[in-house]
Full PDB file with SEQRES, HELIX, SHEET, SSBOND, CRYST1, ORIGX, SCALE, CONECT and MASTER records, all heavy atoms in Angstrom:
SEQRES   1 A   33  LEU VAL GLU LEU ASP SER GLY LEU GLU PRO SER THR PRO          
SEQRES   2 A   33  ASN PRO HIS LEU ARG MET ILE LEU HIS LEU MET ARG SER          
SEQRES   3 A   33  HIS SER GLU GLY ARG ILE VAL                                  
HELIX    1 AA1 VAL A    2  GLY A    7  1                                   6    
HELIX    2 AA2 PRO A   15  SER A   28  1                                  14    
CRYST1    1.000    1.000    1.000  90.00  90.00  90.00 P 1           1          
ORIGX1      1.000000  0.000000  0.000000        0.00000                         
ORIGX2      0.000000  1.000000  0.000000        0.00000                         
ORIGX3      0.000000  0.000000  1.000000        0.00000                         
SCALE1      1.000000  0.000000  0.000000        0.00000                         
SCALE2      0.000000  1.000000  0.000000        0.00000                         
SCALE3      0.000000  0.000000  1.000000        0.00000                         
ATOM      1  N   LEU A   1     -20.932  83.600 -31.038  1.00  0.00           N  
ATOM      2  CA  LEU A   1     -20.983  83.272 -29.639  1.00  0.00           C  
ATOM      3  C   LEU A   1     -19.948  84.024 -28.838  1.00  0.00           C  
ATOM      4  O   LEU A   1     -20.120  84.485 -27.733  1.00  0.00           O  
ATOM      5  CB  LEU A   1     -20.878  81.738 -29.411  1.00  0.00           C  
ATOM      6  CG  LEU A   1     -22.094  80.894 -29.767  1.00  0.00           C  
ATOM      7  CD1 LEU A   1     -21.763  79.451 -29.562  1.00  0.00           C  
ATOM      8  CD2 LEU A   1     -23.300  81.311 -28.951  1.00  0.00           C  
ATOM      9  N   VAL A   2     -18.725  84.038 -29.389  1.00  0.00           N  
ATOM     10  CA  VAL A   2     -17.668  84.844 -28.745  1.00  0.00           C  
ATOM     11  C   VAL A   2     -18.047  86.223 -28.538  1.00  0.00           C  
ATOM     12  O   VAL A   2     -17.860  86.901 -27.479  1.00  0.00           O  
ATOM     13  CB  VAL A   2     -16.374  84.728 -29.490  1.00  0.00           C  
ATOM     14  CG1 VAL A   2     -15.267  85.611 -28.942  1.00  0.00           C  
ATOM     15  CG2 VAL A   2     -15.855  83.265 -29.531  1.00  0.00           C  
ATOM     16  N   GLU A   3     -18.544  86.893 -29.621  1.00  0.00           N  
ATOM     17  CA  GLU A   3     -18.972  88.289 -29.534  1.00  0.00           C  
ATOM     18  C   GLU A   3     -20.141  88.514 -28.506  1.00  0.00           C  
ATOM     19  O   GLU A   3     -20.063  89.495 -27.722  1.00  0.00           O  
ATOM     20  CB  GLU A   3     -19.388  88.807 -30.921  1.00  0.00           C  
ATOM     21  CG  GLU A   3     -18.303  88.834 -31.997  1.00  0.00           C  
ATOM     22  CD  GLU A   3     -17.160  89.804 -31.578  1.00  0.00           C  
ATOM     23  OE1 GLU A   3     -17.485  90.822 -30.911  1.00  0.00           O  
ATOM     24  OE2 GLU A   3     -16.010  89.515 -31.898  1.00  0.00           O  
ATOM     25  N   LEU A   4     -21.108  87.677 -28.520  1.00  0.00           N  
ATOM     26  CA  LEU A   4     -22.193  87.796 -27.620  1.00  0.00           C  
ATOM     27  C   LEU A   4     -21.772  87.611 -26.193  1.00  0.00           C  
ATOM     28  O   LEU A   4     -22.146  88.364 -25.278  1.00  0.00           O  
ATOM     29  CB  LEU A   4     -23.305  86.761 -27.954  1.00  0.00           C  
ATOM     30  CG  LEU A   4     -24.054  86.982 -29.270  1.00  0.00           C  
ATOM     31  CD1 LEU A   4     -25.053  85.846 -29.564  1.00  0.00           C  
ATOM     32  CD2 LEU A   4     -24.772  88.352 -29.244  1.00  0.00           C  
ATOM     33  N   ASP A   5     -20.874  86.603 -25.910  1.00  0.00           N  
ATOM     34  CA  ASP A   5     -20.432  86.365 -24.544  1.00  0.00           C  
ATOM     35  C   ASP A   5     -19.536  87.487 -24.047  1.00  0.00           C  
ATOM     36  O   ASP A   5     -19.520  87.772 -22.792  1.00  0.00           O  
ATOM     37  CB  ASP A   5     -19.680  85.047 -24.507  1.00  0.00           C  
ATOM     38  CG  ASP A   5     -20.617  83.844 -24.697  1.00  0.00           C  
ATOM     39  OD1 ASP A   5     -21.855  84.037 -24.620  1.00  0.00           O  
ATOM     40  OD2 ASP A   5     -20.090  82.749 -24.939  1.00  0.00           O  
ATOM     41  N   SER A   6     -18.801  88.096 -24.897  1.00  0.00           N  
ATOM     42  CA  SER A   6     -17.829  89.149 -24.458  1.00  0.00           C  
ATOM     43  C   SER A   6     -18.397  90.579 -24.628  1.00  0.00           C  
ATOM     44  O   SER A   6     -17.895  91.497 -23.993  1.00  0.00           O  
ATOM     45  CB  SER A   6     -16.467  89.022 -25.179  1.00  0.00           C  
ATOM     46  OG  SER A   6     -16.703  89.130 -26.616  1.00  0.00           O  
ATOM     47  N   GLY A   7     -19.388  90.714 -25.498  1.00  0.00           N  
ATOM     48  CA  GLY A   7     -19.803  92.071 -25.766  1.00  0.00           C  
ATOM     49  C   GLY A   7     -21.014  92.516 -24.992  1.00  0.00           C  
ATOM     50  O   GLY A   7     -21.330  93.742 -24.944  1.00  0.00           O  
ATOM     51  N   LEU A   8     -21.770  91.555 -24.381  1.00  0.00           N  
ATOM     52  CA  LEU A   8     -22.971  91.912 -23.605  1.00  0.00           C  
ATOM     53  C   LEU A   8     -22.860  91.322 -22.213  1.00  0.00           C  
ATOM     54  O   LEU A   8     -22.495  90.163 -22.051  1.00  0.00           O  
ATOM     55  CB  LEU A   8     -24.206  91.390 -24.351  1.00  0.00           C  
ATOM     56  CG  LEU A   8     -24.564  91.997 -25.698  1.00  0.00           C  
ATOM     57  CD1 LEU A   8     -25.765  91.273 -26.308  1.00  0.00           C  
ATOM     58  CD2 LEU A   8     -24.847  93.460 -25.536  1.00  0.00           C  
ATOM     59  N   GLU A   9     -23.128  92.098 -21.265  1.00  0.00           N  
ATOM     60  CA  GLU A   9     -23.152  91.660 -19.860  1.00  0.00           C  
ATOM     61  C   GLU A   9     -24.511  91.977 -19.250  1.00  0.00           C  
ATOM     62  O   GLU A   9     -24.988  93.118 -19.452  1.00  0.00           O  
ATOM     63  CB  GLU A   9     -21.996  92.293 -19.070  1.00  0.00           C  
ATOM     64  CG  GLU A   9     -20.624  91.886 -19.502  1.00  0.00           C  
ATOM     65  CD  GLU A   9     -20.260  90.458 -19.220  1.00  0.00           C  
ATOM     66  OE1 GLU A   9     -21.015  89.825 -18.407  1.00  0.00           O  
ATOM     67  OE2 GLU A   9     -19.291  89.954 -19.774  1.00  0.00           O  
ATOM     68  N   PRO A  10     -25.077  91.119 -18.452  1.00  0.00           N  
ATOM     69  CA  PRO A  10     -24.636  89.741 -18.203  1.00  0.00           C  
ATOM     70  C   PRO A  10     -24.996  88.826 -19.423  1.00  0.00           C  
ATOM     71  O   PRO A  10     -25.871  89.196 -20.209  1.00  0.00           O  
ATOM     72  CB  PRO A  10     -25.427  89.276 -16.962  1.00  0.00           C  
ATOM     73  CG  PRO A  10     -26.734  90.127 -17.088  1.00  0.00           C  
ATOM     74  CD  PRO A  10     -26.312  91.441 -17.682  1.00  0.00           C  
ATOM     75  N   SER A  11     -24.348  87.706 -19.532  1.00  0.00           N  
ATOM     76  CA  SER A  11     -24.611  86.794 -20.584  1.00  0.00           C  
ATOM     77  C   SER A  11     -24.514  85.330 -20.022  1.00  0.00           C  
ATOM     78  O   SER A  11     -23.884  85.145 -18.997  1.00  0.00           O  
ATOM     79  CB  SER A  11     -23.597  86.918 -21.705  1.00  0.00           C  
ATOM     80  OG  SER A  11     -22.273  86.554 -21.309  1.00  0.00           O  
ATOM     81  N   THR A  12     -25.230  84.422 -20.679  1.00  0.00           N  
ATOM     82  CA  THR A  12     -25.237  83.025 -20.264  1.00  0.00           C  
ATOM     83  C   THR A  12     -24.655  82.181 -21.352  1.00  0.00           C  
ATOM     84  O   THR A  12     -25.164  82.230 -22.490  1.00  0.00           O  
ATOM     85  CB  THR A  12     -26.634  82.557 -19.886  1.00  0.00           C  
ATOM     86  OG1 THR A  12     -27.148  83.449 -18.873  1.00  0.00           O  
ATOM     87  CG2 THR A  12     -26.659  81.115 -19.466  1.00  0.00           C  
ATOM     88  N   PRO A  13     -23.643  81.322 -21.087  1.00  0.00           N  
ATOM     89  CA  PRO A  13     -23.105  80.485 -22.141  1.00  0.00           C  
ATOM     90  C   PRO A  13     -24.137  79.496 -22.648  1.00  0.00           C  
ATOM     91  O   PRO A  13     -25.083  79.147 -21.941  1.00  0.00           O  
ATOM     92  CB  PRO A  13     -21.943  79.754 -21.417  1.00  0.00           C  
ATOM     93  CG  PRO A  13     -21.642  80.580 -20.224  1.00  0.00           C  
ATOM     94  CD  PRO A  13     -22.908  81.232 -19.800  1.00  0.00           C  
ATOM     95  N   ASN A  14     -23.999  79.035 -23.863  1.00  0.00           N  
ATOM     96  CA  ASN A  14     -24.849  77.987 -24.454  1.00  0.00           C  
ATOM     97  C   ASN A  14     -23.999  76.765 -24.624  1.00  0.00           C  
ATOM     98  O   ASN A  14     -23.435  76.539 -25.719  1.00  0.00           O  
ATOM     99  CB  ASN A  14     -25.412  78.456 -25.757  1.00  0.00           C  
ATOM    100  CG  ASN A  14     -26.429  77.516 -26.340  1.00  0.00           C  
ATOM    101  OD1 ASN A  14     -26.463  76.330 -26.071  1.00  0.00           O  
ATOM    102  ND2 ASN A  14     -27.351  78.039 -27.168  1.00  0.00           N  
ATOM    103  N   PRO A  15     -23.901  75.899 -23.605  1.00  0.00           N  
ATOM    104  CA  PRO A  15     -22.933  74.761 -23.750  1.00  0.00           C  
ATOM    105  C   PRO A  15     -23.372  73.743 -24.800  1.00  0.00           C  
ATOM    106  O   PRO A  15     -22.556  73.133 -25.474  1.00  0.00           O  
ATOM    107  CB  PRO A  15     -22.993  74.099 -22.350  1.00  0.00           C  
ATOM    108  CG  PRO A  15     -24.296  74.618 -21.791  1.00  0.00           C  
ATOM    109  CD  PRO A  15     -24.508  75.978 -22.304  1.00  0.00           C  
ATOM    110  N   HIS A  16     -24.702  73.577 -25.018  1.00  0.00           N  
ATOM    111  CA  HIS A  16     -25.157  72.660 -26.063  1.00  0.00           C  
ATOM    112  C   HIS A  16     -24.635  73.064 -27.429  1.00  0.00           C  
ATOM    113  O   HIS A  16     -24.038  72.250 -28.164  1.00  0.00           O  
ATOM    114  CB  HIS A  16     -26.705  72.631 -26.087  1.00  0.00           C  
ATOM    115  CG  HIS A  16     -27.311  72.023 -24.915  1.00  0.00           C  
ATOM    116  ND1 HIS A  16     -28.490  72.500 -24.352  1.00  0.00           N  
ATOM    117  CD2 HIS A  16     -26.957  71.005 -24.103  1.00  0.00           C  
ATOM    118  CE1 HIS A  16     -28.812  71.768 -23.272  1.00  0.00           C  
ATOM    119  NE2 HIS A  16     -27.889  70.872 -23.112  1.00  0.00           N  
ATOM    120  N   LEU A  17     -24.840  74.363 -27.739  1.00  0.00           N  
ATOM    121  CA  LEU A  17     -24.382  74.793 -29.065  1.00  0.00           C  
ATOM    122  C   LEU A  17     -22.861  74.790 -29.180  1.00  0.00           C  
ATOM    123  O   LEU A  17     -22.327  74.467 -30.233  1.00  0.00           O  
ATOM    124  CB  LEU A  17     -24.961  76.218 -29.314  1.00  0.00           C  
ATOM    125  CG  LEU A  17     -24.631  76.821 -30.685  1.00  0.00           C  
ATOM    126  CD1 LEU A  17     -25.058  75.901 -31.820  1.00  0.00           C  
ATOM    127  CD2 LEU A  17     -25.277  78.212 -30.831  1.00  0.00           C  
ATOM    128  N   ARG A  18     -22.230  75.162 -28.107  1.00  0.00           N  
ATOM    129  CA  ARG A  18     -20.734  75.225 -28.129  1.00  0.00           C  
ATOM    130  C   ARG A  18     -20.165  73.867 -28.449  1.00  0.00           C  
ATOM    131  O   ARG A  18     -19.238  73.642 -29.224  1.00  0.00           O  
ATOM    132  CB  ARG A  18     -20.188  75.719 -26.837  1.00  0.00           C  
ATOM    133  CG  ARG A  18     -20.290  77.204 -26.660  1.00  0.00           C  
ATOM    134  CD  ARG A  18     -19.717  77.668 -25.257  1.00  0.00           C  
ATOM    135  NE  ARG A  18     -19.773  79.081 -25.077  1.00  0.00           N  
ATOM    136  CZ  ARG A  18     -18.825  79.924 -25.524  1.00  0.00           C  
ATOM    137  NH1 ARG A  18     -17.791  79.402 -26.183  1.00  0.00           N  
ATOM    138  NH2 ARG A  18     -18.939  81.197 -25.327  1.00  0.00           N  
ATOM    139  N   MET A  19     -20.724  72.807 -27.800  1.00  0.00           N  
ATOM    140  CA  MET A  19     -20.226  71.460 -28.018  1.00  0.00           C  
ATOM    141  C   MET A  19     -20.536  70.933 -29.414  1.00  0.00           C  
ATOM    142  O   MET A  19     -19.746  70.264 -30.094  1.00  0.00           O  
ATOM    143  CB  MET A  19     -20.801  70.509 -26.984  1.00  0.00           C  
ATOM    144  CG  MET A  19     -20.185  70.685 -25.577  1.00  0.00           C  
ATOM    145  SD  MET A  19     -20.665  69.444 -24.353  1.00  0.00           S  
ATOM    146  CE  MET A  19     -22.357  69.912 -24.045  1.00  0.00           C  
ATOM    147  N   ILE A  20     -21.734  71.309 -29.892  1.00  0.00           N  
ATOM    148  CA  ILE A  20     -22.114  70.864 -31.268  1.00  0.00           C  
ATOM    149  C   ILE A  20     -21.208  71.511 -32.266  1.00  0.00           C  
ATOM    150  O   ILE A  20     -20.740  70.834 -33.219  1.00  0.00           O  
ATOM    151  CB  ILE A  20     -23.633  71.238 -31.471  1.00  0.00           C  
ATOM    152  CG1 ILE A  20     -24.502  70.286 -30.730  1.00  0.00           C  
ATOM    153  CG2 ILE A  20     -23.912  71.167 -32.972  1.00  0.00           C  
ATOM    154  CD1 ILE A  20     -25.968  70.654 -30.764  1.00  0.00           C  
ATOM    155  N   LEU A  21     -20.942  72.782 -32.123  1.00  0.00           N  
ATOM    156  CA  LEU A  21     -20.053  73.507 -33.078  1.00  0.00           C  
ATOM    157  C   LEU A  21     -18.649  72.898 -33.004  1.00  0.00           C  
ATOM    158  O   LEU A  21     -18.024  72.700 -34.086  1.00  0.00           O  
ATOM    159  CB  LEU A  21     -20.033  74.986 -32.758  1.00  0.00           C  
ATOM    160  CG  LEU A  21     -21.305  75.730 -33.057  1.00  0.00           C  
ATOM    161  CD1 LEU A  21     -21.208  77.165 -32.590  1.00  0.00           C  
ATOM    162  CD2 LEU A  21     -21.712  75.659 -34.564  1.00  0.00           C  
ATOM    163  N   HIS A  22     -18.146  72.596 -31.809  1.00  0.00           N  
ATOM    164  CA  HIS A  22     -16.820  72.026 -31.733  1.00  0.00           C  
ATOM    165  C   HIS A  22     -16.776  70.637 -32.398  1.00  0.00           C  
ATOM    166  O   HIS A  22     -15.818  70.295 -33.086  1.00  0.00           O  
ATOM    167  CB  HIS A  22     -16.438  71.873 -30.231  1.00  0.00           C  
ATOM    168  CG  HIS A  22     -15.133  71.251 -30.009  1.00  0.00           C  
ATOM    169  ND1 HIS A  22     -13.928  71.911 -30.224  1.00  0.00           N  
ATOM    170  CD2 HIS A  22     -14.776  70.010 -29.617  1.00  0.00           C  
ATOM    171  CE1 HIS A  22     -12.936  71.138 -29.937  1.00  0.00           C  
ATOM    172  NE2 HIS A  22     -13.374  69.929 -29.570  1.00  0.00           N  
ATOM    173  N   LEU A  23     -17.831  69.850 -32.226  1.00  0.00           N  
ATOM    174  CA  LEU A  23     -17.895  68.540 -32.809  1.00  0.00           C  
ATOM    175  C   LEU A  23     -17.945  68.619 -34.338  1.00  0.00           C  
ATOM    176  O   LEU A  23     -17.262  67.890 -35.028  1.00  0.00           O  
ATOM    177  CB  LEU A  23     -19.133  67.777 -32.256  1.00  0.00           C  
ATOM    178  CG  LEU A  23     -19.303  66.348 -32.680  1.00  0.00           C  
ATOM    179  CD1 LEU A  23     -18.128  65.525 -32.098  1.00  0.00           C  
ATOM    180  CD2 LEU A  23     -20.619  65.791 -32.164  1.00  0.00           C  
ATOM    181  N   MET A  24     -18.760  69.533 -34.839  1.00  0.00           N  
ATOM    182  CA  MET A  24     -18.889  69.672 -36.306  1.00  0.00           C  
ATOM    183  C   MET A  24     -17.610  70.172 -36.911  1.00  0.00           C  
ATOM    184  O   MET A  24     -17.161  69.651 -37.956  1.00  0.00           O  
ATOM    185  CB  MET A  24     -20.041  70.661 -36.581  1.00  0.00           C  
ATOM    186  CG  MET A  24     -21.439  70.148 -36.194  1.00  0.00           C  
ATOM    187  SD  MET A  24     -22.025  68.724 -37.120  1.00  0.00           S  
ATOM    188  CE  MET A  24     -22.313  69.500 -38.702  1.00  0.00           C  
ATOM    189  N   ARG A  25     -16.963  71.129 -36.353  1.00  0.00           N  
ATOM    190  CA  ARG A  25     -15.749  71.627 -36.909  1.00  0.00           C  
ATOM    191  C   ARG A  25     -14.624  70.596 -36.846  1.00  0.00           C  
ATOM    192  O   ARG A  25     -13.812  70.445 -37.774  1.00  0.00           O  
ATOM    193  CB  ARG A  25     -15.314  72.911 -36.188  1.00  0.00           C  
ATOM    194  CG  ARG A  25     -16.329  74.074 -36.426  1.00  0.00           C  
ATOM    195  CD  ARG A  25     -16.017  75.295 -35.573  1.00  0.00           C  
ATOM    196  NE  ARG A  25     -14.876  76.027 -36.179  1.00  0.00           N  
ATOM    197  CZ  ARG A  25     -14.426  77.185 -35.664  1.00  0.00           C  
ATOM    198  NH1 ARG A  25     -14.908  77.630 -34.500  1.00  0.00           N  
ATOM    199  NH2 ARG A  25     -13.457  77.796 -36.255  1.00  0.00           N  
ATOM    200  N   SER A  26     -14.559  69.848 -35.780  1.00  0.00           N  
ATOM    201  CA  SER A  26     -13.555  68.805 -35.676  1.00  0.00           C  
ATOM    202  C   SER A  26     -13.811  67.687 -36.653  1.00  0.00           C  
ATOM    203  O   SER A  26     -12.843  67.164 -37.301  1.00  0.00           O  
ATOM    204  CB  SER A  26     -13.556  68.224 -34.214  1.00  0.00           C  
ATOM    205  OG  SER A  26     -13.229  69.173 -33.287  1.00  0.00           O  
ATOM    206  N   HIS A  27     -14.995  67.376 -36.892  1.00  0.00           N  
ATOM    207  CA  HIS A  27     -15.395  66.340 -37.891  1.00  0.00           C  
ATOM    208  C   HIS A  27     -14.969  66.824 -39.249  1.00  0.00           C  
ATOM    209  O   HIS A  27     -14.428  66.050 -40.067  1.00  0.00           O  
ATOM    210  CB  HIS A  27     -16.910  66.090 -37.816  1.00  0.00           C  
ATOM    211  CG  HIS A  27     -17.354  65.110 -38.856  1.00  0.00           C  
ATOM    212  ND1 HIS A  27     -17.120  63.750 -38.836  1.00  0.00           N  
ATOM    213  CD2 HIS A  27     -18.048  65.286 -40.052  1.00  0.00           C  
ATOM    214  CE1 HIS A  27     -17.618  63.152 -39.866  1.00  0.00           C  
ATOM    215  NE2 HIS A  27     -18.240  64.082 -40.613  1.00  0.00           N  
ATOM    216  N   SER A  28     -15.228  68.039 -39.526  1.00  0.00           N  
ATOM    217  CA  SER A  28     -14.839  68.653 -40.832  1.00  0.00           C  
ATOM    218  C   SER A  28     -13.359  68.616 -41.043  1.00  0.00           C  
ATOM    219  O   SER A  28     -12.884  68.362 -42.148  1.00  0.00           O  
ATOM    220  CB  SER A  28     -15.315  70.090 -40.920  1.00  0.00           C  
ATOM    221  OG  SER A  28     -14.820  70.735 -42.051  1.00  0.00           O  
ATOM    222  N   GLU A  29     -12.584  68.858 -40.022  1.00  0.00           N  
ATOM    223  CA  GLU A  29     -11.138  68.939 -40.106  1.00  0.00           C  
ATOM    224  C   GLU A  29     -10.429  67.584 -39.826  1.00  0.00           C  
ATOM    225  O   GLU A  29      -9.227  67.475 -39.896  1.00  0.00           O  
ATOM    226  CB  GLU A  29     -10.577  69.943 -39.093  1.00  0.00           C  
ATOM    227  CG  GLU A  29     -11.109  71.336 -39.393  1.00  0.00           C  
ATOM    228  CD  GLU A  29     -10.856  72.331 -38.288  1.00  0.00           C  
ATOM    229  OE1 GLU A  29     -10.125  71.933 -37.319  1.00  0.00           O  
ATOM    230  OE2 GLU A  29     -11.330  73.451 -38.388  1.00  0.00           O  
ATOM    231  N   GLY A  30     -11.247  66.517 -39.605  1.00  0.00           N  
ATOM    232  CA  GLY A  30     -10.666  65.204 -39.396  1.00  0.00           C  
ATOM    233  C   GLY A  30      -9.950  65.060 -38.048  1.00  0.00           C  
ATOM    234  O   GLY A  30      -9.029  64.220 -37.925  1.00  0.00           O  
ATOM    235  N   ARG A  31     -10.348  65.839 -37.043  1.00  0.00           N  
ATOM    236  CA  ARG A  31      -9.718  65.740 -35.711  1.00  0.00           C  
ATOM    237  C   ARG A  31     -10.544  64.850 -34.771  1.00  0.00           C  
ATOM    238  O   ARG A  31     -11.785  64.931 -34.734  1.00  0.00           O  
ATOM    239  CB  ARG A  31      -9.609  67.122 -35.113  1.00  0.00           C  
ATOM    240  CG  ARG A  31      -8.551  68.022 -35.826  1.00  0.00           C  
ATOM    241  CD  ARG A  31      -8.279  69.328 -35.067  1.00  0.00           C  
ATOM    242  NE  ARG A  31      -9.378  70.302 -35.269  1.00  0.00           N  
ATOM    243  CZ  ARG A  31     -10.222  70.645 -34.336  1.00  0.00           C  
ATOM    244  NH1 ARG A  31     -10.192  70.109 -33.183  1.00  0.00           N  
ATOM    245  NH2 ARG A  31     -11.147  71.562 -34.656  1.00  0.00           N  
ATOM    246  N   ILE A  32      -9.855  64.053 -34.007  1.00  0.00           N  
ATOM    247  CA  ILE A  32     -10.493  63.168 -33.030  1.00  0.00           C  
ATOM    248  C   ILE A  32     -11.042  63.989 -31.886  1.00  0.00           C  
ATOM    249  O   ILE A  32     -10.421  64.934 -31.413  1.00  0.00           O  
ATOM    250  CB  ILE A  32      -9.494  62.116 -32.478  1.00  0.00           C  
ATOM    251  CG1 ILE A  32      -9.076  61.122 -33.631  1.00  0.00           C  
ATOM    252  CG2 ILE A  32     -10.096  61.365 -31.356  1.00  0.00           C  
ATOM    253  CD1 ILE A  32      -8.072  60.178 -33.208  1.00  0.00           C  
ATOM    254  N   VAL A  33     -12.321  63.703 -31.498  1.00  0.00           N  
ATOM    255  CA  VAL A  33     -12.920  64.411 -30.370  1.00  0.00           C  
ATOM    256  C   VAL A  33     -13.165  63.358 -29.302  1.00  0.00           C  
ATOM    257  O   VAL A  33     -13.841  62.407 -29.478  1.00  0.00           O  
ATOM    258  CB  VAL A  33     -14.241  65.040 -30.840  1.00  0.00           C  
ATOM    259  CG1 VAL A  33     -14.926  65.672 -29.617  1.00  0.00           C  
ATOM    260  CG2 VAL A  33     -14.034  66.073 -31.962  1.00  0.00           C  
TER     261      VAL A  33                                                      
MASTER        0    0    0    2    0    0    0    6  260    1    0    3          
END                                                                             
């Protein structure tokens, strides 16, 4: 996602996927979200 957002213009963020990935990684690492 970082590469797509910064490497291609114009681009549109994918907030659903970003939040899901943040939630999954935090769950894996035991961090409160």
